[in-house]
Amino acid sequence: MLGALIGIVALLLQVLMYIVIAQAILSWLVAFNVINTYNDFVRQLLYALDRILDPMLRPIRRLLPDLGGLDFSPMVLILLIIIARKLLYGLAFDMGAF
């Protein structure tokens, strides 16, 4: 039972990492004018991704120094997710769940 719960949490962390990557790629595409926000679907997708990720990225943005137009907070969040997954698997291994 514990192994299944840890597997579900690890899967959710993996999905969160994919969402962070998708939001970063979409923001680059908008910044370089490859896609525009006049399309309703694109605007709603960007809005939804911002609503999902902003509570996690805001504290990281507060801690990072101002680097002008560069935003390293998604990269820091991805690193934190990877660390959390490694710690989760280590904890599961120590508890004998896997």
PDB file of N, CA and C in Angstrom:
ATOM      1  N   MET A   1       0.817  -1.195   0.000  1.00  0.00           N
ATOM      2  CA  MET A   1       0.000   0.000   0.000  1.00  0.00           C
ATOM      3  C   MET A   1       0.863   1.262   0.000  1.00  0.00           C
ATOM      4  N   LEU A   2       1.909   1.249   0.810  1.00  0.00           N
ATOM      5  CA  LEU A   2       2.791   2.400   0.883  1.00  0.00           C
ATOM      6  C   LEU A   2       3.527   2.607  -0.438  1.00  0.00           C
ATOM      7  N   GLY A   3       3.916   1.499  -1.077  1.00  0.00           N
ATOM      8  CA  GLY A   3       4.585   1.601  -2.377  1.00  0.00           C
ATOM      9  C   GLY A   3       3.691   2.225  -3.424  1.00  0.00           C
ATOM     10  N   ALA A   4       2.414   1.886  -3.415  1.00  0.00           N
ATOM     11  CA  ALA A   4       1.478   2.469  -4.375  1.00  0.00           C
ATOM     12  C   ALA A   4       1.285   3.961  -4.118  1.00  0.00           C
ATOM     13  N   LEU A   5       1.199   4.342  -2.858  1.00  0.00           N
ATOM     14  CA  LEU A   5       1.039   5.754  -2.516  1.00  0.00           C
ATOM     15  C   LEU A   5       2.268   6.567  -2.931  1.00  0.00           C
ATOM     16  N   ILE A   6       3.440   6.023  -2.684  1.00  0.00           N
ATOM     17  CA  ILE A   6       4.672   6.705  -3.090  1.00  0.00           C
ATOM     18  C   ILE A   6       4.757   6.779  -4.607  1.00  0.00           C
ATOM     19  N   GLY A   7       4.318   5.740  -5.297  1.00  0.00           N
ATOM     20  CA  GLY A   7       4.297   5.758  -6.758  1.00  0.00           C
ATOM     21  C   GLY A   7       3.361   6.825  -7.304  1.00  0.00           C
ATOM     22  N   ILE A   8       2.213   7.020  -6.663  1.00  0.00           N
ATOM     23  CA  ILE A   8       1.266   8.043  -7.102  1.00  0.00           C
ATOM     24  C   ILE A   8       1.846   9.441  -6.884  1.00  0.00           C
ATOM     25  N   VAL A   9       2.477   9.657  -5.734  1.00  0.00           N
ATOM     26  CA  VAL A   9       3.087  10.961  -5.465  1.00  0.00           C
ATOM     27  C   VAL A   9       4.219  11.231  -6.453  1.00  0.00           C
ATOM     28  N   ALA A  10       5.021  10.212  -6.761  1.00  0.00           N
ATOM     29  CA  ALA A  10       6.109  10.375  -7.732  1.00  0.00           C
ATOM     30  C   ALA A  10       5.550  10.685  -9.116  1.00  0.00           C
ATOM     31  N   LEU A  11       4.454  10.051  -9.482  1.00  0.00           N
ATOM     32  CA  LEU A  11       3.817  10.331 -10.771  1.00  0.00           C
ATOM     33  C   LEU A  11       3.293  11.763 -10.830  1.00  0.00           C
ATOM     34  N   LEU A  12       2.681  12.228  -9.750  1.00  0.00           N
ATOM     35  CA  LEU A  12       2.189  13.606  -9.709  1.00  0.00           C
ATOM     36  C   LEU A  12       3.334  14.615  -9.797  1.00  0.00           C
ATOM     37  N   LEU A  13       4.460  14.302  -9.174  1.00  0.00           N
ATOM     38  CA  LEU A  13       5.624  15.185  -9.281  1.00  0.00           C
ATOM     39  C   LEU A  13       6.160  15.203 -10.714  1.00  0.00           C
ATOM     40  N   GLN A  14       6.118  14.051 -11.386  1.00  0.00           N
ATOM     41  CA  GLN A  14       6.566  13.987 -12.777  1.00  0.00           C
ATOM     42  C   GLN A  14       5.638  14.804 -13.679  1.00  0.00           C
ATOM     43  N   VAL A  15       4.343  14.711 -13.459  1.00  0.00           N
ATOM     44  CA  VAL A  15       3.386  15.500 -14.243  1.00  0.00           C
ATOM     45  C   VAL A  15       3.595  16.990 -13.986  1.00  0.00           C
ATOM     46  N   LEU A  16       3.858  17.360 -12.740  1.00  0.00           N
ATOM     47  CA  LEU A  16       4.130  18.757 -12.420  1.00  0.00           C
ATOM     48  C   LEU A  16       5.377  19.250 -13.148  1.00  0.00           C
ATOM     49  N   MET A  17       6.374  18.408 -13.260  1.00  0.00           N
ATOM     50  CA  MET A  17       7.584  18.803 -13.977  1.00  0.00           C
ATOM     51  C   MET A  17       7.275  19.028 -15.460  1.00  0.00           C
ATOM     52  N   TYR A  18       6.445  18.194 -16.053  1.00  0.00           N
ATOM     53  CA  TYR A  18       6.057  18.386 -17.450  1.00  0.00           C
ATOM     54  C   TYR A  18       5.253  19.671 -17.631  1.00  0.00           C
ATOM     55  N   ILE A  19       4.432  20.000 -16.652  1.00  0.00           N
ATOM     56  CA  ILE A  19       3.651  21.242 -16.730  1.00  0.00           C
ATOM     57  C   ILE A  19       4.584  22.451 -16.674  1.00  0.00           C
ATOM     58  N   VAL A  20       5.610  22.398 -15.835  1.00  0.00           N
ATOM     59  CA  VAL A  20       6.575  23.499 -15.746  1.00  0.00           C
ATOM     60  C   VAL A  20       7.308  23.664 -17.082  1.00  0.00           C
ATOM     61  N   ILE A  21       7.708  22.550 -17.675  1.00  0.00           N
ATOM     62  CA  ILE A  21       8.403  22.608 -18.968  1.00  0.00           C
ATOM     63  C   ILE A  21       7.485  23.163 -20.045  1.00  0.00           C
ATOM     64  N   ALA A  22       6.231  22.722 -20.065  1.00  0.00           N
ATOM     65  CA  ALA A  22       5.281  23.222 -21.073  1.00  0.00           C
ATOM     66  C   ALA A  22       5.040  24.717 -20.906  1.00  0.00           C
ATOM     67  N   GLN A  23       4.930  25.181 -19.668  1.00  0.00           N
ATOM     68  CA  GLN A  23       4.708  26.610 -19.436  1.00  0.00           C
ATOM     69  C   GLN A  23       5.915  27.426 -19.874  1.00  0.00           C
ATOM     70  N   ALA A  24       7.114  26.924 -19.623  1.00  0.00           N
ATOM     71  CA  ALA A  24       8.322  27.644 -20.036  1.00  0.00           C
ATOM     72  C   ALA A  24       8.415  27.722 -21.561  1.00  0.00           C
ATOM     73  N   ILE A  25       8.131  26.630 -22.238  1.00  0.00           N
ATOM     74  CA  ILE A  25       8.191  26.619 -23.706  1.00  0.00           C
ATOM     75  C   ILE A  25       7.133  27.545 -24.292  1.00  0.00           C
ATOM     76  N   LEU A  26       5.927  27.501 -23.748  1.00  0.00           N
ATOM     77  CA  LEU A  26       4.875  28.382 -24.252  1.00  0.00           C
ATOM     78  C   LEU A  26       5.210  29.855 -24.013  1.00  0.00           C
ATOM     79  N   SER A  27       5.813  30.167 -22.879  1.00  0.00           N
ATOM     80  CA  SER A  27       6.166  31.564 -22.633  1.00  0.00           C
ATOM     81  C   SER A  27       7.257  32.027 -23.599  1.00  0.00           C
ATOM     82  N   TRP A  28       8.187  31.149 -23.960  1.00  0.00           N
ATOM     83  CA  TRP A  28       9.202  31.501 -24.958  1.00  0.00           C
ATOM     84  C   TRP A  28       8.565  31.722 -26.316  1.00  0.00           C
ATOM     85  N   LEU A  29       7.622  30.853 -26.678  1.00  0.00           N
ATOM     86  CA  LEU A  29       6.964  30.995 -27.977  1.00  0.00           C
ATOM     87  C   LEU A  29       6.175  32.300 -28.061  1.00  0.00           C
ATOM     88  N   VAL A  30       5.552  32.692 -26.968  1.00  0.00           N
ATOM     89  CA  VAL A  30       4.827  33.968 -26.948  1.00  0.00           C
ATOM     90  C   VAL A  30       5.815  35.131 -26.993  1.00  0.00           C
ATOM     91  N   ALA A  31       6.917  35.022 -26.260  1.00  0.00           N
ATOM     92  CA  ALA A  31       7.901  36.104 -26.223  1.00  0.00           C
ATOM     93  C   ALA A  31       8.553  36.337 -27.577  1.00  0.00           C
ATOM     94  N   PHE A  32       8.763  35.258 -28.340  1.00  0.00           N
ATOM     95  CA  PHE A  32       9.386  35.381 -29.656  1.00  0.00           C
ATOM     96  C   PHE A  32       8.359  35.517 -30.777  1.00  0.00           C
ATOM     97  N   ASN A  33       7.107  35.730 -30.414  1.00  0.00           N
ATOM     98  CA  ASN A  33       6.024  35.967 -31.370  1.00  0.00           C
ATOM     99  C   ASN A  33       5.791  34.808 -32.336  1.00  0.00           C
ATOM    100  N   VAL A  34       6.067  33.598 -31.905  1.00  0.00           N
ATOM    101  CA  VAL A  34       5.764  32.428 -32.715  1.00  0.00           C
ATOM    102  C   VAL A  34       4.270  32.132 -32.631  1.00  0.00           C
ATOM    103  N   ILE A  35       3.736  32.231 -31.423  1.00  0.00           N
ATOM    104  CA  ILE A  35       2.289  32.138 -31.242  1.00  0.00           C
ATOM    105  C   ILE A  35       1.844  33.433 -30.575  1.00  0.00           C
ATOM    106  N   ASN A  36       0.611  33.813 -30.807  1.00  0.00           N
ATOM    107  CA  ASN A  36       0.129  35.044 -30.199  1.00  0.00           C
ATOM    108  C   ASN A  36      -1.026  34.735 -29.253  1.00  0.00           C
ATOM    109  N   THR A  37      -1.282  35.667 -28.388  1.00  0.00           N
ATOM    110  CA  THR A  37      -2.323  35.469 -27.384  1.00  0.00           C
ATOM    111  C   THR A  37      -3.686  35.945 -27.861  1.00  0.00           C
ATOM    112  N   TYR A  38      -3.815  36.277 -29.127  1.00  0.00           N
ATOM    113  CA  TYR A  38      -5.125  36.634 -29.671  1.00  0.00           C
ATOM    114  C   TYR A  38      -6.012  35.404 -29.828  1.00  0.00           C
ATOM    115  N   ASN A  39      -5.388  34.233 -29.919  1.00  0.00           N
ATOM    116  CA  ASN A  39      -6.130  32.983 -29.989  1.00  0.00           C
ATOM    117  C   ASN A  39      -6.669  32.661 -28.592  1.00  0.00           C
ATOM    118  N   ASP A  40      -7.961  32.375 -28.511  1.00  0.00           N
ATOM    119  CA  ASP A  40      -8.581  32.109 -27.209  1.00  0.00           C
ATOM    120  C   ASP A  40      -7.990  30.888 -26.523  1.00  0.00           C
ATOM    121  N   PHE A  41      -7.731  29.822 -27.296  1.00  0.00           N
ATOM    122  CA  PHE A  41      -7.194  28.600 -26.696  1.00  0.00           C
ATOM    123  C   PHE A  41      -5.818  28.858 -26.086  1.00  0.00           C
ATOM    124  N   VAL A  42      -4.960  29.553 -26.800  1.00  0.00           N
ATOM    125  CA  VAL A  42      -3.620  29.847 -26.297  1.00  0.00           C
ATOM    126  C   VAL A  42      -3.706  30.716 -25.056  1.00  0.00           C
ATOM    127  N   ARG A  43      -4.550  31.729 -25.079  1.00  0.00           N
ATOM    128  CA  ARG A  43      -4.697  32.618 -23.932  1.00  0.00           C
ATOM    129  C   ARG A  43      -5.200  31.855 -22.711  1.00  0.00           C
ATOM    130  N   GLN A  44      -6.192  30.991 -22.901  1.00  0.00           N
ATOM    131  CA  GLN A  44      -6.729  30.233 -21.773  1.00  0.00           C
ATOM    132  C   GLN A  44      -5.723  29.212 -21.255  1.00  0.00           C
ATOM    133  N   LEU A  45      -4.948  28.618 -22.160  1.00  0.00           N
ATOM    134  CA  LEU A  45      -3.933  27.658 -21.735  1.00  0.00           C
ATOM    135  C   LEU A  45      -2.840  28.353 -20.922  1.00  0.00           C
ATOM    136  N   LEU A  46      -2.391  29.495 -21.381  1.00  0.00           N
ATOM    137  CA  LEU A  46      -1.392  30.254 -20.631  1.00  0.00           C
ATOM    138  C   LEU A  46      -1.933  30.702 -19.274  1.00  0.00           C
ATOM    139  N   TYR A  47      -3.180  31.133 -19.250  1.00  0.00           N
ATOM    140  CA  TYR A  47      -3.807  31.553 -17.998  1.00  0.00           C
ATOM    141  C   TYR A  47      -3.895  30.381 -17.017  1.00  0.00           C
ATOM    142  N   ALA A  48      -4.296  29.211 -17.509  1.00  0.00           N
ATOM    143  CA  ALA A  48      -4.413  28.036 -16.637  1.00  0.00           C
ATOM    144  C   ALA A  48      -3.053  27.608 -16.103  1.00  0.00           C
ATOM    145  N   LEU A  49      -2.048  27.596 -16.960  1.00  0.00           N
ATOM    146  CA  LEU A  49      -0.713  27.211 -16.509  1.00  0.00           C
ATOM    147  C   LEU A  49      -0.156  28.209 -15.502  1.00  0.00           C
ATOM    148  N   ASP A  50      -0.407  29.489 -15.727  1.00  0.00           N
ATOM    149  CA  ASP A  50       0.035  30.501 -14.763  1.00  0.00           C
ATOM    150  C   ASP A  50      -0.667  30.337 -13.424  1.00  0.00           C
ATOM    151  N   ARG A  51      -1.948  30.034 -13.458  1.00  0.00           N
ATOM    152  CA  ARG A  51      -2.697  29.841 -12.204  1.00  0.00           C
ATOM    153  C   ARG A  51      -2.213  28.616 -11.442  1.00  0.00           C
ATOM    154  N   ILE A  52      -1.794  27.586 -12.165  1.00  0.00           N
ATOM    155  CA  ILE A  52      -1.302  26.369 -11.513  1.00  0.00           C
ATOM    156  C   ILE A  52       0.085  26.591 -10.924  1.00  0.00           C
ATOM    157  N   LEU A  53       0.963  27.227 -11.677  1.00  0.00           N
ATOM    158  CA  LEU A  53       2.366  27.301 -11.291  1.00  0.00           C
ATOM    159  C   LEU A  53       2.749  28.541 -10.497  1.00  0.00           C
ATOM    160  N   ASP A  54       1.975  29.604 -10.591  1.00  0.00           N
ATOM    161  CA  ASP A  54       2.356  30.845  -9.915  1.00  0.00           C
ATOM    162  C   ASP A  54       2.521  30.694  -8.403  1.00  0.00           C
ATOM    163  N   PRO A  55       1.665  29.951  -7.693  1.00  0.00           N
ATOM    164  CA  PRO A  55       1.895  29.799  -6.247  1.00  0.00           C
ATOM    165  C   PRO A  55       3.206  29.090  -5.914  1.00  0.00           C
ATOM    166  N   MET A  56       3.703  28.249  -6.806  1.00  0.00           N
ATOM    167  CA  MET A  56       4.972  27.564  -6.556  1.00  0.00           C
ATOM    168  C   MET A  56       6.169  28.398  -7.001  1.00  0.00           C
ATOM    169  N   LEU A  57       5.986  29.197  -8.043  1.00  0.00           N
ATOM    170  CA  LEU A  57       7.101  29.980  -8.572  1.00  0.00           C
ATOM    171  C   LEU A  57       7.298  31.304  -7.842  1.00  0.00           C
ATOM    172  N   ARG A  58       6.251  31.854  -7.263  1.00  0.00           N
ATOM    173  CA  ARG A  58       6.346  33.160  -6.600  1.00  0.00           C
ATOM    174  C   ARG A  58       7.373  33.182  -5.466  1.00  0.00           C
ATOM    175  N   PRO A  59       7.388  32.186  -4.546  1.00  0.00           N
ATOM    176  CA  PRO A  59       8.415  32.227  -3.483  1.00  0.00           C
ATOM    177  C   PRO A  59       9.840  32.083  -4.029  1.00  0.00           C
ATOM    178  N   ILE A  60       9.990  31.312  -5.096  1.00  0.00           N
ATOM    179  CA  ILE A  60      11.315  31.149  -5.696  1.00  0.00           C
ATOM    180  C   ILE A  60      11.747  32.463  -6.337  1.00  0.00           C
ATOM    181  N   ARG A  61      10.832  33.156  -7.002  1.00  0.00           N
ATOM    182  CA  ARG A  61      11.154  34.441  -7.627  1.00  0.00           C
ATOM    183  C   ARG A  61      11.530  35.489  -6.584  1.00  0.00           C
ATOM    184  N   ARG A  62      10.924  35.403  -5.391  1.00  0.00           N
ATOM    185  CA  ARG A  62      11.270  36.340  -4.321  1.00  0.00           C
ATOM    186  C   ARG A  62      12.695  36.120  -3.827  1.00  0.00           C
ATOM    187  N   LEU A  63      13.148  34.855  -3.825  1.00  0.00           N
ATOM    188  CA  LEU A  63      14.478  34.543  -3.310  1.00  0.00           C
ATOM    189  C   LEU A  63      15.579  34.793  -4.325  1.00  0.00           C
ATOM    190  N   LEU A  64      15.279  34.615  -5.615  1.00  0.00           N
ATOM    191  CA  LEU A  64      16.299  34.801  -6.641  1.00  0.00           C
ATOM    192  C   LEU A  64      16.562  36.284  -6.880  1.00  0.00           C
ATOM    193  N   PRO A  65      17.807  36.616  -7.192  1.00  0.00           N
ATOM    194  CA  PRO A  65      18.094  38.029  -7.503  1.00  0.00           C
ATOM    195  C   PRO A  65      17.488  38.421  -8.848  1.00  0.00           C
ATOM    196  N   ASP A  66      17.281  39.706  -9.044  1.00  0.00           N
ATOM    197  CA  ASP A  66      16.724  40.217 -10.291  1.00  0.00           C
ATOM    198  C   ASP A  66      17.790  40.118 -11.384  1.00  0.00           C
ATOM    199  N   LEU A  67      17.515  39.355 -12.414  1.00  0.00           N
ATOM    200  CA  LEU A  67      18.462  39.165 -13.505  1.00  0.00           C
ATOM    201  C   LEU A  67      17.967  39.800 -14.793  1.00  0.00           C
ATOM    202  N   GLY A  68      17.182  40.829 -14.662  1.00  0.00           N
ATOM    203  CA  GLY A  68      16.651  41.494 -15.853  1.00  0.00           C
ATOM    204  C   GLY A  68      15.503  40.704 -16.442  1.00  0.00           C
ATOM    205  N   GLY A  69      15.637  40.328 -17.697  1.00  0.00           N
ATOM    206  CA  GLY A  69      14.571  39.597 -18.377  1.00  0.00           C
ATOM    207  C   GLY A  69      14.649  38.094 -18.215  1.00  0.00           C
ATOM    208  N   LEU A  70      15.669  37.594 -17.533  1.00  0.00           N
ATOM    209  CA  LEU A  70      15.827  36.154 -17.367  1.00  0.00           C
ATOM    210  C   LEU A  70      15.106  35.680 -16.114  1.00  0.00           C
ATOM    211  N   ASP A  71      14.361  34.591 -16.253  1.00  0.00           N
ATOM    212  CA  ASP A  71      13.629  34.020 -15.129  1.00  0.00           C
ATOM    213  C   ASP A  71      14.088  32.581 -14.949  1.00  0.00           C
ATOM    214  N   PHE A  72      14.870  32.354 -13.908  1.00  0.00           N
ATOM    215  CA  PHE A  72      15.382  31.017 -13.640  1.00  0.00           C
ATOM    216  C   PHE A  72      14.499  30.232 -12.663  1.00  0.00           C
ATOM    217  N   SER A  73      13.373  30.798 -12.261  1.00  0.00           N
ATOM    218  CA  SER A  73      12.529  30.120 -11.281  1.00  0.00           C
ATOM    219  C   SER A  73      11.962  28.786 -11.792  1.00  0.00           C
ATOM    220  N   PRO A  74      11.577  28.632 -13.071  1.00  0.00           N
ATOM    221  CA  PRO A  74      11.135  27.299 -13.511  1.00  0.00           C
ATOM    222  C   PRO A  74      12.247  26.245 -13.408  1.00  0.00           C
ATOM    223  N   MET A  75      13.477  26.649 -13.703  1.00  0.00           N
ATOM    224  CA  MET A  75      14.587  25.705 -13.606  1.00  0.00           C
ATOM    225  C   MET A  75      14.823  25.299 -12.147  1.00  0.00           C
ATOM    226  N   VAL A  76      14.717  26.260 -11.240  1.00  0.00           N
ATOM    227  CA  VAL A  76      14.881  25.950  -9.818  1.00  0.00           C
ATOM    228  C   VAL A  76      13.752  25.032  -9.347  1.00  0.00           C
ATOM    229  N   LEU A  77      12.528  25.288  -9.809  1.00  0.00           N
ATOM    230  CA  LEU A  77      11.403  24.432  -9.435  1.00  0.00           C
ATOM    231  C   LEU A  77      11.588  23.016  -9.967  1.00  0.00           C
ATOM    232  N   ILE A  78      12.091  22.872 -11.181  1.00  0.00           N
ATOM    233  CA  ILE A  78      12.344  21.538 -11.733  1.00  0.00           C
ATOM    234  C   ILE A  78      13.406  20.819 -10.903  1.00  0.00           C
ATOM    235  N   LEU A  79      14.457  21.521 -10.516  1.00  0.00           N
ATOM    236  CA  LEU A  79      15.482  20.916  -9.671  1.00  0.00           C
ATOM    237  C   LEU A  79      14.909  20.488  -8.315  1.00  0.00           C
ATOM    238  N   LEU A  80      14.043  21.304  -7.749  1.00  0.00           N
ATOM    239  CA  LEU A  80      13.409  20.938  -6.473  1.00  0.00           C
ATOM    240  C   LEU A  80      12.499  19.716  -6.632  1.00  0.00           C
ATOM    241  N   ILE A  81      11.812  19.616  -7.752  1.00  0.00           N
ATOM    242  CA  ILE A  81      10.962  18.453  -8.002  1.00  0.00           C
ATOM    243  C   ILE A  81      11.817  17.198  -8.141  1.00  0.00           C
ATOM    244  N   ILE A  82      12.940  17.291  -8.844  1.00  0.00           N
ATOM    245  CA  ILE A  82      13.832  16.141  -8.997  1.00  0.00           C
ATOM    246  C   ILE A  82      14.384  15.715  -7.643  1.00  0.00           C
ATOM    247  N   ILE A  83      14.776  16.686  -6.825  1.00  0.00           N
ATOM    248  CA  ILE A  83      15.283  16.368  -5.491  1.00  0.00           C
ATOM    249  C   ILE A  83      14.195  15.712  -4.645  1.00  0.00           C
ATOM    250  N   ALA A  84      12.971  16.222  -4.727  1.00  0.00           N
ATOM    251  CA  ALA A  84      11.861  15.640  -3.958  1.00  0.00           C
ATOM    252  C   ALA A  84      11.589  14.204  -4.390  1.00  0.00           C
ATOM    253  N   ARG A  85      11.658  13.932  -5.690  1.00  0.00           N
ATOM    254  CA  ARG A  85      11.442  12.564  -6.170  1.00  0.00           C
ATOM    255  C   ARG A  85      12.535  11.630  -5.688  1.00  0.00           C
ATOM    256  N   LYS A  86      13.792  12.099  -5.728  1.00  0.00           N
ATOM    257  CA  LYS A  86      14.910  11.270  -5.242  1.00  0.00           C
ATOM    258  C   LYS A  86      14.753  10.983  -3.752  1.00  0.00           C
ATOM    259  N   LEU A  87      14.391  11.996  -2.967  1.00  0.00           N
ATOM    260  CA  LEU A  87      14.180  11.783  -1.534  1.00  0.00           C
ATOM    261  C   LEU A  87      13.011  10.848  -1.272  1.00  0.00           C
ATOM    262  N   LEU A  88      11.969  10.965  -2.081  1.00  0.00           N
ATOM    263  CA  LEU A  88      10.806  10.096  -1.938  1.00  0.00           C
ATOM    264  C   LEU A  88      11.168   8.640  -2.209  1.00  0.00           C
ATOM    265  N   TYR A  89      11.931   8.412  -3.276  1.00  0.00           N
ATOM    266  CA  TYR A  89      12.347   7.042  -3.578  1.00  0.00           C
ATOM    267  C   TYR A  89      13.326   6.513  -2.533  1.00  0.00           C
ATOM    268  N   GLY A  90      14.191   7.377  -2.016  1.00  0.00           N
ATOM    269  CA  GLY A  90      15.100   6.954  -0.942  1.00  0.00           C
ATOM    270  C   GLY A  90      14.348   6.583   0.322  1.00  0.00           C
ATOM    271  N   LEU A  91      13.343   7.371   0.657  1.00  0.00           N
ATOM    272  CA  LEU A  91      12.512   7.061   1.815  1.00  0.00           C
ATOM    273  C   LEU A  91      11.757   5.752   1.611  1.00  0.00           C
ATOM    274  N   ALA A  92      11.247   5.538   0.428  1.00  0.00           N
ATOM    275  CA  ALA A  92      10.520   4.306   0.131  1.00  0.00           C
ATOM    276  C   ALA A  92      11.452   3.106   0.212  1.00  0.00           C
ATOM    277  N   PHE A  93      12.669   3.273  -0.271  1.00  0.00           N
ATOM    278  CA  PHE A  93      13.641   2.177  -0.208  1.00  0.00           C
ATOM    279  C   PHE A  93      14.017   1.852   1.230  1.00  0.00           C
ATOM    280  N   ASP A  94      14.202   2.904   2.045  1.00  0.00           N
ATOM    281  CA  ASP A  94      14.543   2.695   3.454  1.00  0.00           C
ATOM    282  C   ASP A  94      13.419   2.027   4.219  1.00  0.00           C
ATOM    283  N   MET A  95      12.177   2.328   3.840  1.00  0.00           N
ATOM    284  CA  MET A  95      11.025   1.738   4.524  1.00  0.00           C
ATOM    285  C   MET A  95      10.686   0.366   3.977  1.00  0.00           C
ATOM    286  N   GLY A  96      11.322  -0.024   2.894  1.00  0.00           N
ATOM    287  CA  GLY A  96      11.065  -1.339   2.302  1.00  0.00           C
ATOM    288  C   GLY A  96       9.808  -1.380   1.494  1.00  0.00           C
ATOM    289  N   ALA A  97       9.367  -0.244   0.971  1.00  0.00           N
ATOM    290  CA  ALA A  97       8.128  -0.215   0.196  1.00  0.00           C
ATOM    291  C   ALA A  97       8.344  -0.756  -1.206  1.00  0.00           C
ATOM    292  N   PHE A  98       9.569  -0.705  -1.701  1.00  0.00           N
ATOM    293  CA  PHE A  98       9.843  -1.229  -3.048  1.00  0.00           C
ATOM    294  C   PHE A  98      10.738  -2.427  -2.967  1.00  0.00           C
TER     295      PHE A  98
END
